[in-house]
């Protein structure tokens, strides 16, 4: 007798590059690939729950839990690296027979989307980088705290406060939900192994070569919250300088969660940007 999960974070499952991968898959049309950030307990669903239904009205939306995160398999002895994550993303596209997709990357996922576009430019249509890693910047106290998550409810309360500018979005219930997500079997062990101190080296490891970034010819939309305490606005300003076909949108009174704090505007920007590609 099969049981159907009532947890919306558990979507469909496919083996990609030898890794059993949990992913969301909604809608029809040109594919959009959404890549989540690296917060403790993160899943594709938690990251993109307000974005997927809107984009899925016009597009096929695929949002995976990247290896090491969420409900995707965590192979023993895996060496987490940008190269490995890019390979996993490309393997998933292959497994789903997606030849080319629009890419949207949030934070860590922005660095990953950028690296994927550089490694396999012909697999990427348009690119959206939101609060993105991918350039070298000085480690912020906020990012140091996120990657140094201690696995306690108290620390999770501190972190959700860092993520959002609008404190009305931050409740004890949300912190409890994210805390419980972070301590599922294997979650915190994998997370704490991923970005150990000293953490500046991981900012640098997520960064792509600036000379290569300059060669990107993809239409690129860069989005950032002006009040982001995790990834500094300067990171997106630098990306905008480097990528010739880029546009930059900065939201005031917005932290690291643009897709949640300004969800309607964020979703409309993405819809317009991707529909423009059809024109």
Protein backbone atom coordinates (compact mmCIF):
# COMPACT_ATOMS: atom_id res chain seq x y z
CA UNK A 1 0.00 0.00 0.00
CA UNK A 2 1.52 3.34 -1.00
CA UNK A 3 1.28 6.40 1.21
CA UNK A 4 1.09 9.91 -0.15
CA UNK A 5 3.05 12.53 1.76
CA UNK A 6 1.03 15.41 3.16
CA UNK A 7 4.21 17.50 3.44
CA UNK A 8 4.13 19.98 0.50
CA UNK A 9 7.94 20.17 0.62
CA UNK A 10 8.09 16.62 -0.73
CA UNK A 11 7.36 16.77 -4.45
CA UNK A 12 8.39 14.32 -7.13
CA UNK A 13 11.49 12.14 -7.14
CA UNK A 14 14.00 11.26 -9.86
CA UNK A 15 17.57 9.97 -9.94
CA UNK A 16 19.90 12.66 -11.30
CA UNK A 17 23.63 12.00 -11.54
CA UNK A 18 23.17 8.98 -9.28
CA UNK A 19 21.42 11.07 -6.60
CA UNK A 20 17.76 10.56 -5.70
CA UNK A 21 16.47 14.11 -6.06
CA UNK A 22 13.33 15.69 -4.60
CA UNK A 23 11.85 18.39 -6.84
CA UNK A 24 8.74 20.47 -7.43
CA UNK A 25 7.34 20.41 -10.98
CA UNK A 26 4.33 22.58 -11.86
CA UNK A 27 2.74 24.08 -14.95
CA UNK A 28 3.50 23.74 -18.65
CA UNK A 29 5.47 25.67 -21.25
CA UNK A 30 9.00 27.01 -21.39
CA UNK A 31 10.87 25.63 -18.36
CA UNK A 32 12.01 27.82 -15.48
CA UNK A 33 14.51 26.30 -13.04
CA UNK A 34 14.38 27.78 -9.51
CA UNK A 35 17.46 27.26 -7.28
CA UNK A 36 17.06 27.86 -3.53
CA UNK A 37 19.44 29.48 -1.04
CA UNK A 38 21.54 27.82 1.67
CA UNK A 39 19.66 28.63 4.88
CA UNK A 40 19.39 25.90 7.53
CA UNK A 41 16.44 23.57 6.90
CA UNK A 42 15.80 25.12 3.47
CA UNK A 43 13.80 23.32 0.80
CA UNK A 44 12.80 24.40 -2.69
CA UNK A 45 9.19 24.59 -1.56
CA UNK A 46 9.91 26.76 1.49
CA UNK A 47 12.02 29.10 -0.63
CA UNK A 48 9.69 29.40 -3.64
CA UNK A 49 6.20 28.65 -2.31
CA UNK A 50 4.88 32.14 -3.20
CA UNK A 51 6.59 32.22 -6.61
CA UNK A 52 5.83 28.80 -8.10
CA UNK A 53 2.02 29.13 -8.43
CA UNK A 54 2.28 32.47 -10.25
CA UNK A 55 4.98 31.40 -12.73
CA UNK A 56 3.26 28.02 -13.26
CA UNK A 57 0.27 29.78 -14.83
CA UNK A 58 2.43 30.54 -17.90
CA UNK A 59 5.50 28.29 -17.63
CA UNK A 60 6.74 24.91 -16.47
CA UNK A 61 8.40 25.51 -13.10
CA UNK A 62 10.99 23.06 -11.73
CA UNK A 63 12.44 23.66 -8.26
CA UNK A 64 14.80 21.00 -6.89
CA UNK A 65 16.26 20.43 -3.44
CA UNK A 66 19.96 20.60 -4.33
CA UNK A 67 22.17 17.79 -3.02
CA UNK A 68 22.86 18.33 0.69
CA UNK A 69 19.58 20.18 1.21
CA UNK A 70 15.94 19.31 1.82
CA UNK A 71 14.62 15.88 0.90
CA UNK A 72 17.20 15.06 -1.75
CA UNK A 73 19.49 12.14 -0.94
CA UNK A 74 22.71 12.95 0.94
CA UNK A 75 25.30 10.44 -0.30
CA UNK A 76 27.94 9.39 2.25
CA UNK A 77 31.36 11.01 1.76
CA UNK A 78 29.99 13.62 -0.67
CA UNK A 79 32.35 16.56 -1.23
CA UNK A 80 30.19 19.67 -1.39
CA UNK A 81 31.51 22.11 -3.99
CA UNK A 82 30.21 24.46 -6.66
CA UNK A 83 31.39 22.03 -9.33
CA UNK A 84 29.36 19.22 -7.74
CA UNK A 85 26.21 21.36 -7.40
CA UNK A 86 26.45 22.53 -11.03
CA UNK A 87 26.86 18.90 -12.14
CA UNK A 88 23.81 17.91 -10.06
CA UNK A 89 21.68 20.69 -11.61
CA UNK A 90 22.73 19.75 -15.16
CA UNK A 91 22.12 16.05 -14.44
CA UNK A 92 18.61 16.92 -13.25
CA UNK A 93 17.94 18.89 -16.44
CA UNK A 94 19.14 15.86 -18.41
CA UNK A 95 16.99 13.45 -16.38
CA UNK A 96 13.92 15.65 -16.97
CA UNK A 97 14.84 16.07 -20.67
CA UNK A 98 15.07 19.85 -20.29
CA UNK A 99 17.39 21.06 -23.03
CA UNK A 100 17.30 24.73 -22.07
CA UNK A 101 15.71 26.66 -19.20
CA UNK A 102 15.37 30.08 -17.66
CA UNK A 103 17.33 30.08 -14.39
CA UNK A 104 16.41 31.85 -11.14
CA UNK A 105 18.93 31.64 -8.30
CA UNK A 106 18.51 32.92 -4.75
CA UNK A 107 21.60 33.72 -2.64
CA UNK A 108 23.74 30.54 -2.75
CA UNK A 109 21.48 29.48 -5.63
CA UNK A 110 22.37 32.70 -7.45
CA UNK A 111 26.05 31.79 -7.30
CA UNK A 112 25.11 28.33 -8.56
CA UNK A 113 22.94 29.67 -11.41
CA UNK A 114 25.77 31.98 -12.47
CA UNK A 115 28.32 29.13 -12.45
CA UNK A 116 25.94 26.92 -14.44
CA UNK A 117 25.40 29.64 -17.07
CA UNK A 118 29.18 29.97 -17.43
CA UNK A 119 29.81 26.22 -17.66
CA UNK A 120 26.90 25.37 -19.98
CA UNK A 121 25.74 28.63 -21.60
CA UNK A 122 23.71 26.84 -24.25
CA UNK A 123 21.52 25.24 -21.54
CA UNK A 124 20.42 28.62 -20.16
CA UNK A 125 17.85 30.95 -21.66
CA UNK A 126 17.45 33.98 -19.35
CA UNK A 127 19.02 34.43 -15.94
CA UNK A 128 17.65 35.94 -12.70
CA UNK A 129 20.01 36.47 -9.76
CA UNK A 130 18.33 37.43 -6.47
CA UNK A 131 20.42 38.46 -3.45
CA UNK A 132 23.06 36.39 -5.20
CA UNK A 133 26.43 35.07 -4.21
CA UNK A 134 28.84 34.55 -7.11
CA UNK A 135 31.27 37.44 -6.62
CA UNK A 136 33.91 37.94 -3.92
CA UNK A 137 32.82 40.16 -1.05
CA UNK A 138 33.70 40.47 2.61
CA UNK A 139 31.83 37.90 4.71
CA UNK A 140 28.95 39.66 6.50
CA UNK A 141 28.10 38.99 10.14
CA UNK A 142 24.69 37.85 8.91
CA UNK A 143 26.04 35.23 6.51
CA UNK A 144 28.55 34.07 9.12
CA UNK A 145 25.64 33.55 11.53
CA UNK A 146 23.51 31.70 8.97
CA UNK A 147 26.30 29.31 7.93
CA UNK A 148 27.27 28.90 11.59
CA UNK A 149 23.74 27.89 12.62
CA UNK A 150 23.89 26.12 15.98
CA UNK A 151 20.80 23.92 15.59
CA UNK A 152 18.79 25.54 18.39
CA UNK A 153 15.38 27.25 18.40
CA UNK A 154 16.90 30.38 19.96
CA UNK A 155 19.48 30.68 17.20
CA UNK A 156 16.81 30.13 14.52
CA UNK A 157 14.81 33.02 16.03
CA UNK A 158 17.88 35.24 15.64
CA UNK A 159 18.39 34.11 12.03
CA UNK A 160 14.83 34.70 10.80
CA UNK A 161 15.13 38.21 12.25
CA UNK A 162 18.25 38.73 10.12
CA UNK A 163 16.55 37.54 6.92
CA UNK A 164 13.58 39.90 6.87
CA UNK A 165 13.44 43.69 7.01
CA UNK A 166 9.71 43.55 7.77
CA UNK A 167 9.59 42.11 11.27
CA UNK A 168 5.84 41.47 10.91
CA UNK A 169 6.85 38.52 8.73
CA UNK A 170 8.93 37.10 11.57
CA UNK A 171 7.01 35.18 14.23
CA UNK A 172 7.85 32.57 16.83
CA UNK A 173 5.73 30.18 14.76
CA UNK A 174 7.87 30.75 11.67
CA UNK A 175 11.06 30.29 13.69
CA UNK A 176 9.68 27.07 15.18
CA UNK A 177 8.70 25.81 11.72
CA UNK A 178 12.16 26.54 10.28
CA UNK A 179 13.87 25.12 13.40
CA UNK A 180 11.91 21.86 13.13
CA UNK A 181 12.79 21.68 9.42
CA UNK A 182 16.47 22.18 10.24
CA UNK A 183 16.71 19.29 12.71
CA UNK A 184 15.17 16.57 10.57
CA UNK A 185 17.43 13.49 10.45
CA UNK A 186 20.62 14.28 8.54
CA UNK A 187 19.74 17.93 7.82
CA UNK A 188 21.89 19.71 10.40
CA UNK A 189 24.78 17.24 10.04
CA UNK A 190 25.02 17.93 6.30
CA UNK A 191 24.54 21.67 6.79
CA UNK A 192 27.22 22.07 9.45
CA UNK A 193 29.68 20.10 7.28
CA UNK A 194 29.07 22.38 4.29
CA UNK A 195 30.37 25.78 5.42
CA UNK A 196 32.65 25.31 8.46
CA UNK A 197 34.61 28.26 9.88
CA UNK A 198 36.56 30.23 8.79
CA UNK A 199 33.79 31.09 6.35
CA UNK A 200 35.30 33.75 4.07
CA UNK A 201 36.72 30.86 2.02
CA UNK A 202 33.18 29.68 1.21
CA UNK A 203 32.15 33.12 -0.07
CA UNK A 204 35.22 32.92 -2.32
CA UNK A 205 34.48 29.31 -3.34
CA UNK A 206 30.96 30.27 -4.49
CA UNK A 207 32.39 33.12 -6.61
CA UNK A 208 32.91 32.80 -10.34
CA UNK A 209 35.90 34.35 -12.10
CA UNK A 210 35.09 38.00 -12.91
CA UNK A 211 36.76 37.76 -16.30
CA UNK A 212 34.41 34.90 -17.18
CA UNK A 213 31.35 36.68 -15.78
CA UNK A 214 32.11 39.52 -18.22
CA UNK A 215 31.75 37.06 -21.12
CA UNK A 216 28.11 36.23 -20.26
CA UNK A 217 25.77 37.20 -23.09
CA UNK A 218 22.50 36.13 -21.43
CA UNK A 219 19.74 38.62 -20.67
CA UNK A 220 20.08 38.88 -16.89
CA UNK A 221 17.87 40.39 -14.21
CA UNK A 222 19.54 41.16 -10.87
CA UNK A 223 17.31 41.72 -7.81
CA UNK A 224 18.38 42.75 -4.31
CA UNK A 225 16.94 44.05 -1.06
CA UNK A 226 18.66 47.29 -0.11
CA UNK A 227 18.61 46.30 3.57
CA UNK A 228 19.95 42.75 3.06
CA UNK A 229 22.06 41.75 6.09
CA UNK A 230 23.19 38.44 4.58
CA UNK A 231 24.51 39.26 1.08
CA UNK A 232 25.55 42.92 0.69
CA UNK A 233 23.94 45.05 -2.01
CA UNK A 234 27.47 45.71 -3.32
CA UNK A 235 27.55 42.10 -4.59
CA UNK A 236 24.65 42.77 -6.97
CA UNK A 237 26.05 46.16 -7.98
CA UNK A 238 29.23 44.34 -8.99
CA UNK A 239 27.29 41.74 -10.99
CA UNK A 240 25.46 44.56 -12.77
CA UNK A 241 28.80 46.15 -13.69
CA UNK A 242 30.17 42.85 -15.02
CA UNK A 243 27.18 41.50 -17.00
CA UNK A 244 26.60 43.61 -20.10
CA UNK A 245 22.96 42.59 -20.74
CA UNK A 246 21.84 43.06 -17.14
CA UNK A 247 19.17 45.11 -15.41
CA UNK A 248 19.20 45.78 -11.66
CA UNK A 249 16.15 46.13 -9.39
CA UNK A 250 16.72 47.20 -5.78
CA UNK A 251 13.88 47.14 -3.23
CA UNK A 252 13.96 49.50 -0.26
CA UNK A 253 12.65 48.23 3.10
CA UNK A 254 13.64 44.73 2.01
CA UNK A 255 16.07 42.22 3.48
CA UNK A 256 17.28 38.92 2.04
CA UNK A 257 13.78 37.59 1.28
CA UNK A 258 12.70 39.67 -1.74
CA UNK A 259 10.56 36.79 -3.04
CA UNK A 260 8.63 36.79 0.26
CA UNK A 261 8.78 40.42 1.44
CA UNK A 262 7.84 41.85 -1.98
CA UNK A 263 6.36 38.70 -3.51
CA UNK A 264 3.78 40.31 -5.83
CA UNK A 265 6.33 42.74 -7.32
CA UNK A 266 9.00 40.04 -7.52
CA UNK A 267 6.67 37.62 -9.31
CA UNK A 268 5.50 40.32 -11.76
CA UNK A 269 9.10 41.25 -12.60
CA UNK A 270 9.90 37.61 -13.37
CA UNK A 271 6.74 37.07 -15.43
CA UNK A 272 7.40 40.17 -17.54
CA UNK A 273 11.07 39.25 -18.00
CA UNK A 274 10.39 35.69 -19.10
CA UNK A 275 7.35 36.53 -21.27
CA UNK A 276 9.51 39.11 -23.06
CA UNK A 277 11.73 36.22 -24.22
CA UNK A 278 8.80 34.83 -26.23
CA UNK A 279 8.21 38.10 -28.09
